[in-house]
Amino acid sequence: MKQTINLKNAYEILLKCPVVEIEGRLLEIQLYDLEADPSNEFLSLSWTEKDEQFNEVNIIITFTEGDNKKCAIDGNVITLKSSEDKEDEDLTLYTPLFTEQISNSLFL
């Protein structure tokens, strides 16, 4: 059931989830302090992919406080608005225990 939560509650949830999944990628989150400043970037996600010419391209998605005063959460998926294009991004949240299980299964 989808619920709307405020940024402080979303931040508290993110503190407990060091890994998220976005667009099929498992990523460690970079979480920064909340500062009660609408332009403050409190979260960033980054990864590298290859373009058509096989050049490495760094992708960075950031999230500001002002764009995410209210967030949607549905089960273990939180929806935040990115600061660049104001698109809603669905982040699947993973707890440390689940993250450890994933890491261990990769080495079996």
PDB file of N, CA and C in Angstrom:
ATOM      1  N   MET A   1       0.841  -1.180   0.000  1.00  0.00           N
ATOM      2  CA  MET A   1       0.000   0.000   0.000  1.00  0.00           C
ATOM      3  C   MET A   1       0.888   1.247   0.000  1.00  0.00           C
ATOM      4  N   LYS A   2       0.718   2.089  -0.984  1.00  0.00           N
ATOM      5  CA  LYS A   2       1.538   3.288  -1.126  1.00  0.00           C
ATOM      6  C   LYS A   2       1.156   4.312  -0.057  1.00  0.00           C
ATOM      7  N   GLN A   3       2.198   4.864   0.581  1.00  0.00           N
ATOM      8  CA  GLN A   3       2.012   5.889   1.596  1.00  0.00           C
ATOM      9  C   GLN A   3       2.904   7.074   1.272  1.00  0.00           C
ATOM     10  N   THR A   4       2.503   8.236   1.739  1.00  0.00           N
ATOM     11  CA  THR A   4       3.325   9.427   1.607  1.00  0.00           C
ATOM     12  C   THR A   4       3.994   9.686   2.948  1.00  0.00           C
ATOM     13  N   ILE A   5       5.305   9.909   2.911  1.00  0.00           N
ATOM     14  CA  ILE A   5       6.056  10.205   4.123  1.00  0.00           C
ATOM     15  C   ILE A   5       6.864  11.481   3.904  1.00  0.00           C
ATOM     16  N   ASN A   6       7.282  12.094   5.008  1.00  0.00           N
ATOM     17  CA  ASN A   6       8.094  13.305   4.865  1.00  0.00           C
ATOM     18  C   ASN A   6       9.564  12.932   4.682  1.00  0.00           C
ATOM     19  N   LEU A   7      10.366  13.916   4.327  1.00  0.00           N
ATOM     20  CA  LEU A   7      11.776  13.680   4.026  1.00  0.00           C
ATOM     21  C   LEU A   7      12.531  13.134   5.234  1.00  0.00           C
ATOM     22  N   LYS A   8      12.234  13.632   6.421  1.00  0.00           N
ATOM     23  CA  LYS A   8      12.946  13.146   7.608  1.00  0.00           C
ATOM     24  C   LYS A   8      12.724  11.647   7.783  1.00  0.00           C
ATOM     25  N   ASN A   9      11.499  11.176   7.615  1.00  0.00           N
ATOM     26  CA  ASN A   9      11.223   9.745   7.735  1.00  0.00           C
ATOM     27  C   ASN A   9      11.891   8.955   6.611  1.00  0.00           C
ATOM     28  N   ALA A  10      11.878   9.499   5.403  1.00  0.00           N
ATOM     29  CA  ALA A  10      12.551   8.835   4.274  1.00  0.00           C
ATOM     30  C   ALA A  10      14.043   8.723   4.552  1.00  0.00           C
ATOM     31  N   TYR A  11      14.630   9.771   5.091  1.00  0.00           N
ATOM     32  CA  TYR A  11      16.057   9.794   5.420  1.00  0.00           C
ATOM     33  C   TYR A  11      16.383   8.720   6.456  1.00  0.00           C
ATOM     34  N   GLU A  12      15.540   8.611   7.477  1.00  0.00           N
ATOM     35  CA  GLU A  12      15.752   7.590   8.512  1.00  0.00           C
ATOM     36  C   GLU A  12      15.711   6.185   7.914  1.00  0.00           C
ATOM     37  N   ILE A  13      14.832   5.960   6.967  1.00  0.00           N
ATOM     38  CA  ILE A  13      14.752   4.663   6.287  1.00  0.00           C
ATOM     39  C   ILE A  13      16.027   4.434   5.476  1.00  0.00           C
ATOM     40  N   LEU A  14      16.461   5.443   4.736  1.00  0.00           N
ATOM     41  CA  LEU A  14      17.672   5.311   3.913  1.00  0.00           C
ATOM     42  C   LEU A  14      18.913   5.031   4.764  1.00  0.00           C
ATOM     43  N   LEU A  15      18.951   5.571   5.972  1.00  0.00           N
ATOM     44  CA  LEU A  15      20.082   5.307   6.867  1.00  0.00           C
ATOM     45  C   LEU A  15      20.218   3.814   7.163  1.00  0.00           C
ATOM     46  N   LYS A  16      19.121   3.091   7.131  1.00  0.00           N
ATOM     47  CA  LYS A  16      19.119   1.663   7.457  1.00  0.00           C
ATOM     48  C   LYS A  16      19.337   0.781   6.231  1.00  0.00           C
ATOM     49  N   CYS A  17      19.424   1.381   5.061  1.00  0.00           N
ATOM     50  CA  CYS A  17      19.532   0.617   3.807  1.00  0.00           C
ATOM     51  C   CYS A  17      20.738   1.079   3.016  1.00  0.00           C
ATOM     52  N   PRO A  18      21.880   0.459   3.212  1.00  0.00           N
ATOM     53  CA  PRO A  18      23.101   0.917   2.541  1.00  0.00           C
ATOM     54  C   PRO A  18      23.128   0.628   1.041  1.00  0.00           C
ATOM     55  N   VAL A  19      22.228  -0.216   0.585  1.00  0.00           N
ATOM     56  CA  VAL A  19      22.198  -0.582  -0.831  1.00  0.00           C
ATOM     57  C   VAL A  19      20.780  -0.405  -1.355  1.00  0.00           C
ATOM     58  N   VAL A  20      20.680   0.138  -2.568  1.00  0.00           N
ATOM     59  CA  VAL A  20      19.397   0.247  -3.252  1.00  0.00           C
ATOM     60  C   VAL A  20      19.537  -0.334  -4.650  1.00  0.00           C
ATOM     61  N   GLU A  21      18.414  -0.657  -5.221  1.00  0.00           N
ATOM     62  CA  GLU A  21      18.389  -1.092  -6.618  1.00  0.00           C
ATOM     63  C   GLU A  21      17.649  -0.036  -7.420  1.00  0.00           C
ATOM     64  N   ILE A  22      18.265   0.380  -8.512  1.00  0.00           N
ATOM     65  CA  ILE A  22      17.637   1.324  -9.432  1.00  0.00           C
ATOM     66  C   ILE A  22      17.970   0.874 -10.847  1.00  0.00           C
ATOM     67  N   GLU A  23      16.963   0.806 -11.675  1.00  0.00           N
ATOM     68  CA  GLU A  23      17.145   0.394 -13.073  1.00  0.00           C
ATOM     69  C   GLU A  23      17.924  -0.917 -13.175  1.00  0.00           C
ATOM     70  N   GLY A  24      17.655  -1.849 -12.264  1.00  0.00           N
ATOM     71  CA  GLY A  24      18.301  -3.158 -12.303  1.00  0.00           C
ATOM     72  C   GLY A  24      19.723  -3.200 -11.770  1.00  0.00           C
ATOM     73  N   ARG A  25      20.197  -2.097 -11.187  1.00  0.00           N
ATOM     74  CA  ARG A  25      21.557  -2.045 -10.643  1.00  0.00           C
ATOM     75  C   ARG A  25      21.507  -1.978  -9.121  1.00  0.00           C
ATOM     76  N   LEU A  26      22.327  -2.784  -8.463  1.00  0.00           N
ATOM     77  CA  LEU A  26      22.494  -2.664  -7.020  1.00  0.00           C
ATOM     78  C   LEU A  26      23.600  -1.655  -6.760  1.00  0.00           C
ATOM     79  N   LEU A  27      23.279  -0.621  -5.990  1.00  0.00           N
ATOM     80  CA  LEU A  27      24.228   0.467  -5.756  1.00  0.00           C
ATOM     81  C   LEU A  27      24.318   0.804  -4.279  1.00  0.00           C
ATOM     82  N   GLU A  28      25.529   1.106  -3.823  1.00  0.00           N
ATOM     83  CA  GLU A  28      25.698   1.656  -2.491  1.00  0.00           C
ATOM     84  C   GLU A  28      25.275   3.114  -2.542  1.00  0.00           C
ATOM     85  N   ILE A  29      24.541   3.539  -1.514  1.00  0.00           N
ATOM     86  CA  ILE A  29      24.087   4.925  -1.507  1.00  0.00           C
ATOM     87  C   ILE A  29      25.141   5.831  -0.869  1.00  0.00           C
ATOM     88  N   GLN A  30      25.152   7.066  -1.301  1.00  0.00           N
ATOM     89  CA  GLN A  30      25.964   8.112  -0.686  1.00  0.00           C
ATOM     90  C   GLN A  30      24.973   9.067  -0.039  1.00  0.00           C
ATOM     91  N   LEU A  31      24.861   8.976   1.273  1.00  0.00           N
ATOM     92  CA  LEU A  31      23.887   9.756   2.025  1.00  0.00           C
ATOM     93  C   LEU A  31      24.614  10.867   2.773  1.00  0.00           C
ATOM     94  N   TYR A  32      24.100  12.079   2.646  1.00  0.00           N
ATOM     95  CA  TYR A  32      24.704  13.250   3.282  1.00  0.00           C
ATOM     96  C   TYR A  32      23.712  13.845   4.277  1.00  0.00           C
ATOM     97  N   ASP A  33      24.180  14.735   5.126  1.00  0.00           N
ATOM     98  CA  ASP A  33      23.340  15.316   6.166  1.00  0.00           C
ATOM     99  C   ASP A  33      22.184  16.130   5.583  1.00  0.00           C
ATOM    100  N   LEU A  34      21.064  16.100   6.301  1.00  0.00           N
ATOM    101  CA  LEU A  34      19.968  17.022   6.002  1.00  0.00           C
ATOM    102  C   LEU A  34      20.330  18.367   6.626  1.00  0.00           C
ATOM    103  N   GLU A  35      20.045  19.448   5.899  1.00  0.00           N
ATOM    104  CA  GLU A  35      20.432  20.784   6.363  1.00  0.00           C
ATOM    105  C   GLU A  35      19.279  21.774   6.359  1.00  0.00           C
ATOM    106  N   ALA A  36      18.052  21.312   6.109  1.00  0.00           N
ATOM    107  CA  ALA A  36      16.887  22.193   6.011  1.00  0.00           C
ATOM    108  C   ALA A  36      17.101  23.263   4.940  1.00  0.00           C
ATOM    109  N   ASP A  37      17.790  22.888   3.870  1.00  0.00           N
ATOM    110  CA  ASP A  37      18.067  23.776   2.744  1.00  0.00           C
ATOM    111  C   ASP A  37      17.517  23.093   1.491  1.00  0.00           C
ATOM    112  N   PRO A  38      16.554  23.709   0.802  1.00  0.00           N
ATOM    113  CA  PRO A  38      15.943  23.069  -0.365  1.00  0.00           C
ATOM    114  C   PRO A  38      16.937  22.658  -1.453  1.00  0.00           C
ATOM    115  N   SER A  39      18.082  23.340  -1.546  1.00  0.00           N
ATOM    116  CA  SER A  39      19.052  23.004  -2.592  1.00  0.00           C
ATOM    117  C   SER A  39      20.077  21.963  -2.142  1.00  0.00           C
ATOM    118  N   ASN A  40      20.034  21.553  -0.881  1.00  0.00           N
ATOM    119  CA  ASN A  40      20.990  20.580  -0.357  1.00  0.00           C
ATOM    120  C   ASN A  40      20.769  19.197  -0.970  1.00  0.00           C
ATOM    121  N   GLU A  41      21.831  18.651  -1.542  1.00  0.00           N
ATOM    122  CA  GLU A  41      21.780  17.282  -2.060  1.00  0.00           C
ATOM    123  C   GLU A  41      22.059  16.330  -0.903  1.00  0.00           C
ATOM    124  N   PHE A  42      21.052  15.539  -0.531  1.00  0.00           N
ATOM    125  CA  PHE A  42      21.190  14.644   0.615  1.00  0.00           C
ATOM    126  C   PHE A  42      21.496  13.206   0.202  1.00  0.00           C
ATOM    127  N   LEU A  43      21.367  12.903  -1.091  1.00  0.00           N
ATOM    128  CA  LEU A  43      21.583  11.544  -1.563  1.00  0.00           C
ATOM    129  C   LEU A  43      22.120  11.585  -2.984  1.00  0.00           C
ATOM    130  N   SER A  44      23.098  10.722  -3.254  1.00  0.00           N
ATOM    131  CA  SER A  44      23.537  10.564  -4.639  1.00  0.00           C
ATOM    132  C   SER A  44      23.793   9.086  -4.915  1.00  0.00           C
ATOM    133  N   LEU A  45      23.566   8.716  -6.142  1.00  0.00           N
ATOM    134  CA  LEU A  45      23.803   7.365  -6.636  1.00  0.00           C
ATOM    135  C   LEU A  45      24.674   7.499  -7.874  1.00  0.00           C
ATOM    136  N   SER A  46      25.663   6.635  -8.011  1.00  0.00           N
ATOM    137  CA  SER A  46      26.520   6.732  -9.192  1.00  0.00           C
ATOM    138  C   SER A  46      26.944   5.347  -9.661  1.00  0.00           C
ATOM    139  N   TRP A  47      27.188   5.271 -10.964  1.00  0.00           N
ATOM    140  CA  TRP A  47      27.691   4.047 -11.572  1.00  0.00           C
ATOM    141  C   TRP A  47      28.339   4.400 -12.899  1.00  0.00           C
ATOM    142  N   THR A  48      29.037   3.436 -13.456  1.00  0.00           N
ATOM    143  CA  THR A  48      29.705   3.621 -14.737  1.00  0.00           C
ATOM    144  C   THR A  48      29.101   2.667 -15.744  1.00  0.00           C
ATOM    145  N   GLU A  49      28.857   3.176 -16.940  1.00  0.00           N
ATOM    146  CA  GLU A  49      28.405   2.307 -18.031  1.00  0.00           C
ATOM    147  C   GLU A  49      29.160   2.681 -19.298  1.00  0.00           C
ATOM    148  N   LYS A  50      29.013   1.878 -20.307  1.00  0.00           N
ATOM    149  CA  LYS A  50      29.710   2.129 -21.580  1.00  0.00           C
ATOM    150  C   LYS A  50      28.718   2.683 -22.604  1.00  0.00           C
ATOM    151  N   ASP A  51      29.177   3.680 -23.375  1.00  0.00           N
ATOM    152  CA  ASP A  51      28.345   4.234 -24.435  1.00  0.00           C
ATOM    153  C   ASP A  51      28.507   3.408 -25.718  1.00  0.00           C
ATOM    154  N   GLU A  52      27.936   3.898 -26.817  1.00  0.00           N
ATOM    155  CA  GLU A  52      27.960   3.161 -28.083  1.00  0.00           C
ATOM    156  C   GLU A  52      29.369   2.912 -28.610  1.00  0.00           C
ATOM    157  N   GLN A  53      30.310   3.805 -28.273  1.00  0.00           N
ATOM    158  CA  GLN A  53      31.702   3.651 -28.705  1.00  0.00           C
ATOM    159  C   GLN A  53      32.541   2.936 -27.643  1.00  0.00           C
ATOM    160  N   PHE A  54      31.896   2.348 -26.662  1.00  0.00           N
ATOM    161  CA  PHE A  54      32.539   1.608 -25.574  1.00  0.00           C
ATOM    162  C   PHE A  54      33.388   2.489 -24.665  1.00  0.00           C
ATOM    163  N   ASN A  55      33.087   3.789 -24.640  1.00  0.00           N
ATOM    164  CA  ASN A  55      33.741   4.695 -23.696  1.00  0.00           C
ATOM    165  C   ASN A  55      32.995   4.618 -22.366  1.00  0.00           C
ATOM    166  N   GLU A  56      33.751   4.685 -21.275  1.00  0.00           N
ATOM    167  CA  GLU A  56      33.114   4.680 -19.970  1.00  0.00           C
ATOM    168  C   GLU A  56      32.464   6.031 -19.700  1.00  0.00           C
ATOM    169  N   VAL A  57      31.237   5.975 -19.209  1.00  0.00           N
ATOM    170  CA  VAL A  57      30.473   7.175 -18.884  1.00  0.00           C
ATOM    171  C   VAL A  57      30.043   7.066 -17.423  1.00  0.00           C
ATOM    172  N   ASN A  58      30.350   8.091 -16.640  1.00  0.00           N
ATOM    173  CA  ASN A  58      29.930   8.118 -15.244  1.00  0.00           C
ATOM    174  C   ASN A  58      28.526   8.712 -15.156  1.00  0.00           C
ATOM    175  N   ILE A  59      27.634   7.971 -14.531  1.00  0.00           N
ATOM    176  CA  ILE A  59      26.257   8.414 -14.330  1.00  0.00           C
ATOM    177  C   ILE A  59      26.104   8.754 -12.851  1.00  0.00           C
ATOM    178  N   ILE A  60      25.564   9.938 -12.573  1.00  0.00           N
ATOM    179  CA  ILE A  60      25.323  10.359 -11.198  1.00  0.00           C
ATOM    180  C   ILE A  60      23.904  10.904 -11.123  1.00  0.00           C
ATOM    181  N   ILE A  61      23.145  10.380 -10.179  1.00  0.00           N
ATOM    182  CA  ILE A  61      21.797  10.889  -9.920  1.00  0.00           C
ATOM    183  C   ILE A  61      21.809  11.452  -8.505  1.00  0.00           C
ATOM    184  N   THR A  62      21.362  12.695  -8.351  1.00  0.00           N
ATOM    185  CA  THR A  62      21.321  13.323  -7.035  1.00  0.00           C
ATOM    186  C   THR A  62      19.885  13.673  -6.674  1.00  0.00           C
ATOM    187  N   PHE A  63      19.682  13.850  -5.379  1.00  0.00           N
ATOM    188  CA  PHE A  63      18.355  14.144  -4.852  1.00  0.00           C
ATOM    189  C   PHE A  63      18.486  15.274  -3.834  1.00  0.00           C
ATOM    190  N   THR A  64      17.684  16.337  -4.011  1.00  0.00           N
ATOM    191  CA  THR A  64      17.749  17.482  -3.105  1.00  0.00           C
ATOM    192  C   THR A  64      16.572  17.466  -2.136  1.00  0.00           C
ATOM    193  N   GLU A  65      16.780  18.171  -1.030  1.00  0.00           N
ATOM    194  CA  GLU A  65      15.746  18.248  -0.002  1.00  0.00           C
ATOM    195  C   GLU A  65      14.467  18.903  -0.545  1.00  0.00           C
ATOM    196  N   GLY A  66      14.625  19.990  -1.306  1.00  0.00           N
ATOM    197  CA  GLY A  66      13.461  20.724  -1.793  1.00  0.00           C
ATOM    198  C   GLY A  66      12.566  19.916  -2.714  1.00  0.00           C
ATOM    199  N   ASP A  67      13.171  19.029  -3.510  1.00  0.00           N
ATOM    200  CA  ASP A  67      12.391  18.206  -4.439  1.00  0.00           C
ATOM    201  C   ASP A  67      11.722  17.025  -3.754  1.00  0.00           C
ATOM    202  N   ASN A  68      12.104  16.743  -2.507  1.00  0.00           N
ATOM    203  CA  ASN A  68      11.651  15.520  -1.848  1.00  0.00           C
ATOM    204  C   ASN A  68      11.087  15.773  -0.454  1.00  0.00           C
ATOM    205  N   LYS A  69      10.391  16.894  -0.289  1.00  0.00           N
ATOM    206  CA  LYS A  69       9.770  17.181   1.006  1.00  0.00           C
ATOM    207  C   LYS A  69       8.787  16.084   1.380  1.00  0.00           C
ATOM    208  N   LYS A  70       8.119  15.558   0.385  1.00  0.00           N
ATOM    209  CA  LYS A  70       7.211  14.420   0.553  1.00  0.00           C
ATOM    210  C   LYS A  70       7.658  13.335  -0.408  1.00  0.00           C
ATOM    211  N   CYS A  71       7.671  12.092   0.071  1.00  0.00           N
ATOM    212  CA  CYS A  71       8.106  10.951  -0.729  1.00  0.00           C
ATOM    213  C   CYS A  71       7.054   9.862  -0.638  1.00  0.00           C
ATOM    214  N   ALA A  72       7.004   9.026  -1.638  1.00  0.00           N
ATOM    215  CA  ALA A  72       6.092   7.882  -1.619  1.00  0.00           C
ATOM    216  C   ALA A  72       6.886   6.631  -1.259  1.00  0.00           C
ATOM    217  N   ILE A  73       6.258   5.763  -0.483  1.00  0.00           N
ATOM    218  CA  ILE A  73       6.868   4.475  -0.167  1.00  0.00           C
ATOM    219  C   ILE A  73       5.789   3.404  -0.298  1.00  0.00           C
ATOM    220  N   ASP A  74       6.170   2.310  -0.919  1.00  0.00           N
ATOM    221  CA  ASP A  74       5.260   1.189  -1.124  1.00  0.00           C
ATOM    222  C   ASP A  74       6.054  -0.090  -0.889  1.00  0.00           C
ATOM    223  N   GLY A  75       5.856  -0.703   0.264  1.00  0.00           N
ATOM    224  CA  GLY A  75       6.658  -1.879   0.623  1.00  0.00           C
ATOM    225  C   GLY A  75       8.101  -1.470   0.802  1.00  0.00           C
ATOM    226  N   ASN A  76       9.007  -2.096   0.025  1.00  0.00           N
ATOM    227  CA  ASN A  76      10.426  -1.746   0.130  1.00  0.00           C
ATOM    228  C   ASN A  76      10.882  -0.866  -1.037  1.00  0.00           C
ATOM    229  N   VAL A  77       9.939  -0.166  -1.664  1.00  0.00           N
ATOM    230  CA  VAL A  77      10.283   0.744  -2.766  1.00  0.00           C
ATOM    231  C   VAL A  77       9.924   2.174  -2.352  1.00  0.00           C
ATOM    232  N   ILE A  78      10.934   3.032  -2.376  1.00  0.00           N
ATOM    233  CA  ILE A  78      10.718   4.444  -2.089  1.00  0.00           C
ATOM    234  C   ILE A  78      10.890   5.221  -3.393  1.00  0.00           C
ATOM    235  N   THR A  79      10.029   6.194  -3.604  1.00  0.00           N
ATOM    236  CA  THR A  79      10.088   7.005  -4.824  1.00  0.00           C
ATOM    237  C   THR A  79      10.564   8.400  -4.458  1.00  0.00           C
ATOM    238  N   LEU A  80      11.681   8.796  -5.070  1.00  0.00           N
ATOM    239  CA  LEU A  80      12.257  10.121  -4.861  1.00  0.00           C
ATOM    240  C   LEU A  80      12.370  10.831  -6.199  1.00  0.00           C
ATOM    241  N   LYS A  81      12.334  12.148  -6.153  1.00  0.00           N
ATOM    242  CA  LYS A  81      12.457  12.963  -7.363  1.00  0.00           C
ATOM    243  C   LYS A  81      13.913  13.379  -7.531  1.00  0.00           C
ATOM    244  N   SER A  82      14.484  13.070  -8.709  1.00  0.00           N
ATOM    245  CA  SER A  82      15.885  13.424  -8.966  1.00  0.00           C
ATOM    246  C   SER A  82      16.012  14.928  -9.172  1.00  0.00           C
ATOM    247  N   SER A  83      17.172  15.455  -8.842  1.00  0.00           N
ATOM    248  CA  SER A  83      17.354  16.907  -8.936  1.00  0.00           C
ATOM    249  C   SER A  83      17.620  17.380 -10.358  1.00  0.00           C
ATOM    250  N   GLU A  84      18.163  16.532 -11.227  1.00  0.00           N
ATOM    251  CA  GLU A  84      18.510  16.960 -12.582  1.00  0.00           C
ATOM    252  C   GLU A  84      17.277  17.139 -13.469  1.00  0.00           C
ATOM    253  N   ASP A  85      16.488  16.094 -13.593  1.00  0.00           N
ATOM    254  CA  ASP A  85      15.362  16.147 -14.534  1.00  0.00           C
ATOM    255  C   ASP A  85      13.999  16.093 -13.845  1.00  0.00           C
ATOM    256  N   LYS A  86      14.005  16.111 -12.529  1.00  0.00           N
ATOM    257  CA  LYS A  86      12.769  16.098 -11.730  1.00  0.00           C
ATOM    258  C   LYS A  86      11.920  14.858 -12.008  1.00  0.00           C
ATOM    259  N   GLU A  87      12.564  13.776 -12.454  1.00  0.00           N
ATOM    260  CA  GLU A  87      11.869  12.519 -12.708  1.00  0.00           C
ATOM    261  C   GLU A  87      11.759  11.732 -11.410  1.00  0.00           C
ATOM    262  N   ASP A  88      10.645  11.014 -11.268  1.00  0.00           N
ATOM    263  CA  ASP A  88      10.496  10.109 -10.139  1.00  0.00           C
ATOM    264  C   ASP A  88      11.381   8.894 -10.361  1.00  0.00           C
ATOM    265  N   GLU A  89      12.166   8.565  -9.352  1.00  0.00           N
ATOM    266  CA  GLU A  89      13.043   7.395  -9.405  1.00  0.00           C
ATOM    267  C   GLU A  89      12.609   6.422  -8.317  1.00  0.00           C
ATOM    268  N   ASP A  90      12.332   5.182  -8.701  1.00  0.00           N
ATOM    269  CA  ASP A  90      11.968   4.145  -7.744  1.00  0.00           C
ATOM    270  C   ASP A  90      13.232   3.449  -7.260  1.00  0.00           C
ATOM    271  N   LEU A  91      13.458   3.499  -5.952  1.00  0.00           N
ATOM    272  CA  LEU A  91      14.610   2.852  -5.346  1.00  0.00           C
ATOM    273  C   LEU A  91      14.120   1.684  -4.506  1.00  0.00           C
ATOM    274  N   THR A  92      14.558   0.489  -4.848  1.00  0.00           N
ATOM    275  CA  THR A  92      14.241  -0.676  -4.031  1.00  0.00           C
ATOM    276  C   THR A  92      15.260  -0.727  -2.907  1.00  0.00           C
ATOM    277  N   LEU A  93      14.762  -0.774  -1.682  1.00  0.00           N
ATOM    278  CA  LEU A  93      15.605  -0.700  -0.495  1.00  0.00           C
ATOM    279  C   LEU A  93      16.042  -2.081  -0.045  1.00  0.00           C
ATOM    280  N   TYR A  94      17.312  -2.205   0.311  1.00  0.00           N
ATOM    281  CA  TYR A  94      17.853  -3.457   0.827  1.00  0.00           C
ATOM    282  C   TYR A  94      18.483  -3.205   2.186  1.00  0.00           C
ATOM    283  N   THR A  95      18.114  -4.013   3.160  1.00  0.00           N
ATOM    284  CA  THR A  95      18.666  -3.903   4.507  1.00  0.00           C
ATOM    285  C   THR A  95      20.036  -4.565   4.562  1.00  0.00           C
ATOM    286  N   PRO A  96      20.826  -4.278   5.600  1.00  0.00           N
ATOM    287  CA  PRO A  96      22.157  -4.905   5.698  1.00  0.00           C
ATOM    288  C   PRO A  96      22.103  -6.435   5.664  1.00  0.00           C
ATOM    289  N   LEU A  97      21.125  -7.060   6.327  1.00  0.00           N
ATOM    290  CA  LEU A  97      21.044  -8.513   6.331  1.00  0.00           C
ATOM    291  C   LEU A  97      20.837  -9.045   4.924  1.00  0.00           C
ATOM    292  N   PHE A  98      19.916  -8.435   4.170  1.00  0.00           N
ATOM    293  CA  PHE A  98      19.669  -8.878   2.801  1.00  0.00           C
ATOM    294  C   PHE A  98      20.896  -8.643   1.933  1.00  0.00           C
ATOM    295  N   THR A  99      21.554  -7.508   2.124  1.00  0.00           N
ATOM    296  CA  THR A  99      22.762  -7.199   1.364  1.00  0.00           C
ATOM    297  C   THR A  99      23.843  -8.240   1.626  1.00  0.00           C
ATOM    298  N   GLU A 100      23.996  -8.644   2.890  1.00  0.00           N
ATOM    299  CA  GLU A 100      24.979  -9.673   3.230  1.00  0.00           C
ATOM    300  C   GLU A 100      24.625 -10.988   2.561  1.00  0.00           C
ATOM    301  N   GLN A 101      23.347 -11.334   2.517  1.00  0.00           N
ATOM    302  CA  GLN A 101      22.925 -12.578   1.866  1.00  0.00           C
ATOM    303  C   GLN A 101      23.251 -12.551   0.385  1.00  0.00           C
ATOM    304  N   ILE A 102      23.047 -11.420  -0.281  1.00  0.00           N
ATOM    305  CA  ILE A 102      23.364 -11.290  -1.695  1.00  0.00           C
ATOM    306  C   ILE A 102      24.871 -11.472  -1.900  1.00  0.00           C
ATOM    307  N   SER A 103      25.680 -10.797  -1.083  1.00  0.00           N
ATOM    308  CA  SER A 103      27.142 -10.891  -1.211  1.00  0.00           C
ATOM    309  C   SER A 103      27.613 -12.317  -1.015  1.00  0.00           C
ATOM    310  N   ASN A 104      27.087 -12.989  -0.014  1.00  0.00           N
ATOM    311  CA  ASN A 104      27.495 -14.380   0.245  1.00  0.00           C
ATOM    312  C   ASN A 104      27.110 -15.305  -0.889  1.00  0.00           C
ATOM    313  N   SER A 105      25.959 -15.095  -1.500  1.00  0.00           N
ATOM    314  CA  SER A 105      25.521 -15.979  -2.586  1.00  0.00           C
ATOM    315  C   SER A 105      26.374 -15.792  -3.837  1.00  0.00           C
ATOM    316  N   LEU A 106      27.012 -14.646  -3.993  1.00  0.00           N
ATOM    317  CA  LEU A 106      27.867 -14.411  -5.152  1.00  0.00           C
ATOM    318  C   LEU A 106      29.139 -15.236  -5.101  1.00  0.00           C
ATOM    319  N   PHE A 107      29.531 -15.670  -3.904  1.00  0.00           N
ATOM    320  CA  PHE A 107      30.781 -16.396  -3.744  1.00  0.00           C
ATOM    321  C   PHE A 107      30.583 -17.890  -3.535  1.00  0.00           C
ATOM    322  N   LEU A 108      29.376 -18.373  -3.694  1.00  0.00           N
ATOM    323  CA  LEU A 108      29.121 -19.813  -3.534  1.00  0.00           C
ATOM    324  C   LEU A 108      29.509 -20.575  -4.762  1.00  0.00           C
TER     325      LEU A 108
END
